[in-house]
């Protein structure tokens, strides 16, 4: 996903200033598809703990609780 600046502008985030030209795009998100087991394995390799998973009825979408590893 990208956000596109409608005009030239500057914004400040946590004390740091960022300038954007009119029409400049900012990449804000990359979408990746994982199985539940695949995401849990990836999270474990990244050092997260594994918590519960909630899914929709068809298991097309999921929300994962990934607590800090202990």
PDB file of N, CA and C in Angstrom:
ATOM      1  N   UNK A   1       0.842  -1.166   0.000  1.00  0.00           N
ATOM      2  CA  UNK A   1       0.000   0.000   0.000  1.00  0.00           C
ATOM      3  C   UNK A   1       0.892   1.235   0.000  1.00  0.00           C
ATOM      4  N   UNK A   2       0.412   2.267  -0.632  1.00  0.00           N
ATOM      5  CA  UNK A   2       1.132   3.534  -0.684  1.00  0.00           C
ATOM      6  C   UNK A   2       0.196   4.684  -0.316  1.00  0.00           C
ATOM      7  N   UNK A   3       0.729   5.671   0.350  1.00  0.00           N
ATOM      8  CA  UNK A   3       0.046   6.946   0.540  1.00  0.00           C
ATOM      9  C   UNK A   3       0.682   7.932  -0.425  1.00  0.00           C
ATOM     10  N   UNK A   4      -0.132   8.776  -1.050  1.00  0.00           N
ATOM     11  CA  UNK A   4       0.377   9.743  -2.020  1.00  0.00           C
ATOM     12  C   UNK A   4       0.041  11.143  -1.523  1.00  0.00           C
ATOM     13  N   UNK A   5       1.074  11.967  -1.429  1.00  0.00           N
ATOM     14  CA  UNK A   5       0.897  13.343  -0.962  1.00  0.00           C
ATOM     15  C   UNK A   5       0.116  14.142  -2.004  1.00  0.00           C
ATOM     16  N   UNK A   6      -0.935  14.812  -1.570  1.00  0.00           N
ATOM     17  CA  UNK A   6      -1.760  15.614  -2.480  1.00  0.00           C
ATOM     18  C   UNK A   6      -1.144  16.987  -2.751  1.00  0.00           C
ATOM     19  N   UNK A   7      -0.177  17.365  -1.935  1.00  0.00           N
ATOM     20  CA  UNK A   7       0.483  18.661  -2.099  1.00  0.00           C
ATOM     21  C   UNK A   7       1.866  18.579  -1.474  1.00  0.00           C
ATOM     22  N   UNK A   8       2.702  19.535  -1.788  1.00  0.00           N
ATOM     23  CA  UNK A   8       4.005  19.617  -1.125  1.00  0.00           C
ATOM     24  C   UNK A   8       3.756  19.938   0.343  1.00  0.00           C
ATOM     25  N   UNK A   9       4.435  19.218   1.226  1.00  0.00           N
ATOM     26  CA  UNK A   9       4.201  19.427   2.653  1.00  0.00           C
ATOM     27  C   UNK A   9       5.352  18.854   3.459  1.00  0.00           C
ATOM     28  N   UNK A  10       5.402  19.244   4.726  1.00  0.00           N
ATOM     29  CA  UNK A  10       6.372  18.693   5.665  1.00  0.00           C
ATOM     30  C   UNK A  10       5.603  18.245   6.897  1.00  0.00           C
ATOM     31  N   UNK A  11       5.995  17.101   7.433  1.00  0.00           N
ATOM     32  CA  UNK A  11       5.389  16.592   8.661  1.00  0.00           C
ATOM     33  C   UNK A  11       6.503  16.285   9.653  1.00  0.00           C
ATOM     34  N   UNK A  12       6.175  16.366  10.932  1.00  0.00           N
ATOM     35  CA  UNK A  12       7.139  16.074  11.978  1.00  0.00           C
ATOM     36  C   UNK A  12       6.640  14.887  12.781  1.00  0.00           C
ATOM     37  N   UNK A  13       7.490  13.883  12.922  1.00  0.00           N
ATOM     38  CA  UNK A  13       7.171  12.683  13.685  1.00  0.00           C
ATOM     39  C   UNK A  13       8.275  12.488  14.717  1.00  0.00           C
ATOM     40  N   UNK A  14       7.891  12.538  15.993  1.00  0.00           N
ATOM     41  CA  UNK A  14       8.834  12.356  17.098  1.00  0.00           C
ATOM     42  C   UNK A  14      10.063  13.253  16.955  1.00  0.00           C
ATOM     43  N   UNK A  15       9.812  14.491  16.579  1.00  0.00           N
ATOM     44  CA  UNK A  15      10.882  15.472  16.486  1.00  0.00           C
ATOM     45  C   UNK A  15      11.684  15.442  15.190  1.00  0.00           C
ATOM     46  N   UNK A  16      11.359  14.540  14.293  1.00  0.00           N
ATOM     47  CA  UNK A  16      12.079  14.460  13.013  1.00  0.00           C
ATOM     48  C   UNK A  16      11.161  14.943  11.891  1.00  0.00           C
ATOM     49  N   UNK A  17      11.688  15.807  11.059  1.00  0.00           N
ATOM     50  CA  UNK A  17      10.889  16.435   9.993  1.00  0.00           C
ATOM     51  C   UNK A  17      11.088  15.694   8.676  1.00  0.00           C
ATOM     52  N   UNK A  18       9.983  15.456   7.978  1.00  0.00           N
ATOM     53  CA  UNK A  18       9.994  14.763   6.684  1.00  0.00           C
ATOM     54  C   UNK A  18       9.272  15.635   5.669  1.00  0.00           C
ATOM     55  N   UNK A  19       9.887  15.830   4.510  1.00  0.00           N
ATOM     56  CA  UNK A  19       9.274  16.605   3.441  1.00  0.00           C
ATOM     57  C   UNK A  19       8.763  15.696   2.333  1.00  0.00           C
ATOM     58  N   UNK A  20       7.606  16.059   1.772  1.00  0.00           N
ATOM     59  CA  UNK A  20       7.005  15.296   0.677  1.00  0.00           C
ATOM     60  C   UNK A  20       6.615  16.255  -0.433  1.00  0.00           C
ATOM     61  N   UNK A  21       6.948  15.892  -1.655  1.00  0.00           N
ATOM     62  CA  UNK A  21       6.529  16.670  -2.818  1.00  0.00           C
ATOM     63  C   UNK A  21       5.109  16.271  -3.216  1.00  0.00           C
ATOM     64  N   UNK A  22       4.434  17.133  -3.938  1.00  0.00           N
ATOM     65  CA  UNK A  22       3.114  16.777  -4.455  1.00  0.00           C
ATOM     66  C   UNK A  22       3.248  15.541  -5.350  1.00  0.00           C
ATOM     67  N   UNK A  23       2.410  14.560  -5.113  1.00  0.00           N
ATOM     68  CA  UNK A  23       2.439  13.334  -5.907  1.00  0.00           C
ATOM     69  C   UNK A  23       3.435  12.293  -5.429  1.00  0.00           C
ATOM     70  N   UNK A  24       4.240  12.623  -4.429  1.00  0.00           N
ATOM     71  CA  UNK A  24       5.230  11.670  -3.920  1.00  0.00           C
ATOM     72  C   UNK A  24       4.529  10.550  -3.151  1.00  0.00           C
ATOM     73  N   UNK A  25       4.925   9.316  -3.423  1.00  0.00           N
ATOM     74  CA  UNK A  25       4.319   8.153  -2.772  1.00  0.00           C
ATOM     75  C   UNK A  25       5.197   7.677  -1.622  1.00  0.00           C
ATOM     76  N   UNK A  26       4.534   7.213  -0.567  1.00  0.00           N
ATOM     77  CA  UNK A  26       5.206   6.658   0.597  1.00  0.00           C
ATOM     78  C   UNK A  26       4.710   5.225   0.769  1.00  0.00           C
ATOM     79  N   UNK A  27       5.610   4.262   0.660  1.00  0.00           N
ATOM     80  CA  UNK A  27       5.253   2.853   0.846  1.00  0.00           C
ATOM     81  C   UNK A  27       4.990   2.612   2.323  1.00  0.00           C
ATOM     82  N   UNK A  28       3.762   2.179   2.656  1.00  0.00           N
ATOM     83  CA  UNK A  28       3.380   2.020   4.053  1.00  0.00           C
ATOM     84  C   UNK A  28       3.086   0.587   4.462  1.00  0.00           C
ATOM     85  N   UNK A  29       2.918  -0.309   3.508  1.00  0.00           N
ATOM     86  CA  UNK A  29       2.530  -1.672   3.881  1.00  0.00           C
ATOM     87  C   UNK A  29       2.871  -2.650   2.765  1.00  0.00           C
ATOM     88  N   UNK A  30       3.303  -3.832   3.163  1.00  0.00           N
ATOM     89  CA  UNK A  30       3.458  -4.955   2.242  1.00  0.00           C
ATOM     90  C   UNK A  30       2.576  -6.078   2.766  1.00  0.00           C
ATOM     91  N   UNK A  31       1.782  -6.653   1.899  1.00  0.00           N
ATOM     92  CA  UNK A  31       0.881  -7.729   2.309  1.00  0.00           C
ATOM     93  C   UNK A  31       1.504  -9.069   1.939  1.00  0.00           C
ATOM     94  N   UNK A  32       1.573  -9.960   2.917  1.00  0.00           N
ATOM     95  CA  UNK A  32       2.109 -11.301   2.698  1.00  0.00           C
ATOM     96  C   UNK A  32       1.106 -12.313   3.218  1.00  0.00           C
ATOM     97  N   UNK A  33       0.972 -13.408   2.529  1.00  0.00           N
ATOM     98  CA  UNK A  33       0.031 -14.444   2.927  1.00  0.00           C
ATOM     99  C   UNK A  33       0.790 -15.603   3.568  1.00  0.00           C
ATOM    100  N   UNK A  34       0.368 -16.013   4.752  1.00  0.00           N
ATOM    101  CA  UNK A  34       0.988 -17.117   5.469  1.00  0.00           C
ATOM    102  C   UNK A  34      -0.095 -18.055   5.974  1.00  0.00           C
ATOM    103  N   UNK A  35       0.239 -19.311   6.093  1.00  0.00           N
ATOM    104  CA  UNK A  35      -0.619 -20.220   6.839  1.00  0.00           C
ATOM    105  C   UNK A  35      -0.432 -19.902   8.318  1.00  0.00           C
ATOM    106  N   UNK A  36      -1.345 -20.369   9.146  1.00  0.00           N
ATOM    107  CA  UNK A  36      -1.198 -20.140  10.581  1.00  0.00           C
ATOM    108  C   UNK A  36       0.103 -20.756  11.084  1.00  0.00           C
ATOM    109  N   UNK A  37       0.368 -22.001  10.687  1.00  0.00           N
ATOM    110  CA  UNK A  37       1.617 -22.645  11.125  1.00  0.00           C
ATOM    111  C   UNK A  37       2.844 -21.916  10.592  1.00  0.00           C
ATOM    112  N   UNK A  38       2.768 -21.437   9.345  1.00  0.00           N
ATOM    113  CA  UNK A  38       3.888 -20.708   8.762  1.00  0.00           C
ATOM    114  C   UNK A  38       4.188 -19.418   9.495  1.00  0.00           C
ATOM    115  N   UNK A  39       3.145 -18.677   9.873  1.00  0.00           N
ATOM    116  CA  UNK A  39       3.361 -17.434  10.598  1.00  0.00           C
ATOM    117  C   UNK A  39       3.889 -17.697  11.997  1.00  0.00           C
ATOM    118  N   UNK A  40       3.382 -18.738  12.646  1.00  0.00           N
ATOM    119  CA  UNK A  40       3.868 -19.074  13.982  1.00  0.00           C
ATOM    120  C   UNK A  40       5.348 -19.463  13.946  1.00  0.00           C
ATOM    121  N   UNK A  41       5.746 -20.214  12.925  1.00  0.00           N
ATOM    122  CA  UNK A  41       7.159 -20.597  12.782  1.00  0.00           C
ATOM    123  C   UNK A  41       8.026 -19.356  12.532  1.00  0.00           C
ATOM    124  N   UNK A  42       7.552 -18.456  11.673  1.00  0.00           N
ATOM    125  CA  UNK A  42       8.288 -17.220  11.388  1.00  0.00           C
ATOM    126  C   UNK A  42       8.432 -16.383  12.661  1.00  0.00           C
ATOM    127  N   UNK A  43       7.357 -16.258  13.424  1.00  0.00           N
ATOM    128  CA  UNK A  43       7.398 -15.486  14.663  1.00  0.00           C
ATOM    129  C   UNK A  43       8.376 -16.098  15.662  1.00  0.00           C
ATOM    130  N   UNK A  44       8.359 -17.419  15.770  1.00  0.00           N
ATOM    131  CA  UNK A  44       9.280 -18.091  16.700  1.00  0.00           C
ATOM    132  C   UNK A  44      10.733 -17.851  16.294  1.00  0.00           C
ATOM    133  N   UNK A  45      11.028 -17.918  14.995  1.00  0.00           N
ATOM    134  CA  UNK A  45      12.398 -17.662  14.517  1.00  0.00           C
ATOM    135  C   UNK A  45      12.827 -16.224  14.788  1.00  0.00           C
ATOM    136  N   UNK A  46      11.848 -15.308  14.822  1.00  0.00           N
ATOM    137  CA  UNK A  46      12.142 -13.894  15.075  1.00  0.00           C
ATOM    138  C   UNK A  46      12.223 -13.584  16.566  1.00  0.00           C
ATOM    139  N   UNK A  47      12.005 -14.598  17.419  1.00  0.00           N
ATOM    140  CA  UNK A  47      12.153 -14.390  18.850  1.00  0.00           C
ATOM    141  C   UNK A  47      10.869 -14.099  19.606  1.00  0.00           C
ATOM    142  N   UNK A  48       9.719 -14.220  18.957  1.00  0.00           N
ATOM    143  CA  UNK A  48       8.443 -13.998  19.636  1.00  0.00           C
ATOM    144  C   UNK A  48       7.962 -15.284  20.282  1.00  0.00           C
ATOM    145  N   UNK A  49       7.188 -15.126  21.340  1.00  0.00           N
ATOM    146  CA  UNK A  49       6.483 -16.262  21.912  1.00  0.00           C
ATOM    147  C   UNK A  49       5.260 -16.561  21.052  1.00  0.00           C
ATOM    148  N   UNK A  50       4.642 -17.704  21.278  1.00  0.00           N
ATOM    149  CA  UNK A  50       3.472 -18.093  20.496  1.00  0.00           C
ATOM    150  C   UNK A  50       2.267 -18.131  21.429  1.00  0.00           C
ATOM    151  N   UNK A  51       1.264 -17.339  21.110  1.00  0.00           N
ATOM    152  CA  UNK A  51       0.040 -17.285  21.894  1.00  0.00           C
ATOM    153  C   UNK A  51      -1.143 -17.781  21.095  1.00  0.00           C
ATOM    154  N   UNK A  52      -2.340 -17.474  21.544  1.00  0.00           N
ATOM    155  CA  UNK A  52      -3.547 -17.915  20.854  1.00  0.00           C
ATOM    156  C   UNK A  52      -3.692 -17.286  19.475  1.00  0.00           C
ATOM    157  N   UNK A  53      -4.516 -17.925  18.658  1.00  0.00           N
ATOM    158  CA  UNK A  53      -4.846 -17.432  17.315  1.00  0.00           C
ATOM    159  C   UNK A  53      -6.361 -17.389  17.204  1.00  0.00           C
ATOM    160  N   UNK A  54      -6.866 -16.304  16.652  1.00  0.00           N
ATOM    161  CA  UNK A  54      -8.304 -16.182  16.393  1.00  0.00           C
ATOM    162  C   UNK A  54      -8.505 -16.095  14.889  1.00  0.00           C
ATOM    163  N   UNK A  55      -9.482 -16.817  14.357  1.00  0.00           N
ATOM    164  CA  UNK A  55      -9.750 -16.809  12.920  1.00  0.00           C
ATOM    165  C   UNK A  55     -11.231 -16.566  12.655  1.00  0.00           C
ATOM    166  N   UNK A  56     -11.529 -16.213  11.410  1.00  0.00           N
ATOM    167  CA  UNK A  56     -12.917 -16.150  10.991  1.00  0.00           C
ATOM    168  C   UNK A  56     -13.403 -17.590  10.754  1.00  0.00           C
ATOM    169  N   UNK A  57     -14.686 -17.758  10.512  1.00  0.00           N
ATOM    170  CA  UNK A  57     -15.275 -19.097  10.387  1.00  0.00           C
ATOM    171  C   UNK A  57     -14.649 -19.913   9.259  1.00  0.00           C
ATOM    172  N   UNK A  58     -14.208 -19.255   8.205  1.00  0.00           N
ATOM    173  CA  UNK A  58     -13.623 -19.969   7.064  1.00  0.00           C
ATOM    174  C   UNK A  58     -12.097 -20.067   7.142  1.00  0.00           C
ATOM    175  N   UNK A  59     -11.518 -19.544   8.207  1.00  0.00           N
ATOM    176  CA  UNK A  59     -10.063 -19.535   8.405  1.00  0.00           C
ATOM    177  C   UNK A  59      -9.322 -18.817   7.269  1.00  0.00           C
ATOM    178  N   UNK A  60      -9.952 -17.766   6.757  1.00  0.00           N
ATOM    179  CA  UNK A  60      -9.312 -16.958   5.709  1.00  0.00           C
ATOM    180  C   UNK A  60      -8.470 -15.839   6.310  1.00  0.00           C
ATOM    181  N   UNK A  61      -8.825 -15.398   7.508  1.00  0.00           N
ATOM    182  CA  UNK A  61      -8.123 -14.312   8.192  1.00  0.00           C
ATOM    183  C   UNK A  61      -7.810 -14.753   9.609  1.00  0.00           C
ATOM    184  N   UNK A  62      -6.719 -14.247  10.136  1.00  0.00           N
ATOM    185  CA  UNK A  62      -6.367 -14.608  11.508  1.00  0.00           C
ATOM    186  C   UNK A  62      -5.707 -13.435  12.220  1.00  0.00           C
ATOM    187  N   UNK A  63      -5.864 -13.451  13.537  1.00  0.00           N
ATOM    188  CA  UNK A  63      -5.205 -12.497  14.433  1.00  0.00           C
ATOM    189  C   UNK A  63      -4.387 -13.336  15.402  1.00  0.00           C
ATOM    190  N   UNK A  64      -3.121 -12.985  15.544  1.00  0.00           N
ATOM    191  CA  UNK A  64      -2.205 -13.766  16.370  1.00  0.00           C
ATOM    192  C   UNK A  64      -1.717 -12.942  17.548  1.00  0.00           C
ATOM    193  N   UNK A  65      -1.716 -13.529  18.717  1.00  0.00           N
ATOM    194  CA  UNK A  65      -1.087 -12.904  19.875  1.00  0.00           C
ATOM    195  C   UNK A  65       0.320 -13.473  19.948  1.00  0.00           C
ATOM    196  N   UNK A  66       1.319 -12.601  19.820  1.00  0.00           N
ATOM    197  CA  UNK A  66       2.723 -12.996  19.819  1.00  0.00           C
ATOM    198  C   UNK A  66       3.434 -12.291  20.970  1.00  0.00           C
ATOM    199  N   UNK A  67       3.352 -12.858  22.156  1.00  0.00           N
ATOM    200  CA  UNK A  67       3.978 -12.207  23.321  1.00  0.00           C
ATOM    201  C   UNK A  67       5.506 -12.210  23.199  1.00  0.00           C
ATOM    202  N   UNK A  68       6.120 -11.339  23.948  1.00  0.00           N
ATOM    203  CA  UNK A  68       7.585 -11.323  23.983  1.00  0.00           C
ATOM    204  C   UNK A  68       8.072 -12.688  24.493  1.00  0.00           C
ATOM    205  N   UNK A  69       9.081 -13.238  23.852  1.00  0.00           N
ATOM    206  CA  UNK A  69       9.647 -14.518  24.264  1.00  0.00           C
ATOM    207  C   UNK A  69      10.256 -14.376  25.648  1.00  0.00           C
ATOM    208  N   UNK A  70      10.188 -15.428  26.424  1.00  0.00           N
ATOM    209  CA  UNK A  70      10.728 -15.382  27.777  1.00  0.00           C
ATOM    210  C   UNK A  70      12.003 -16.172  27.891  1.00  0.00           C
TER     211      UNK A  70
END
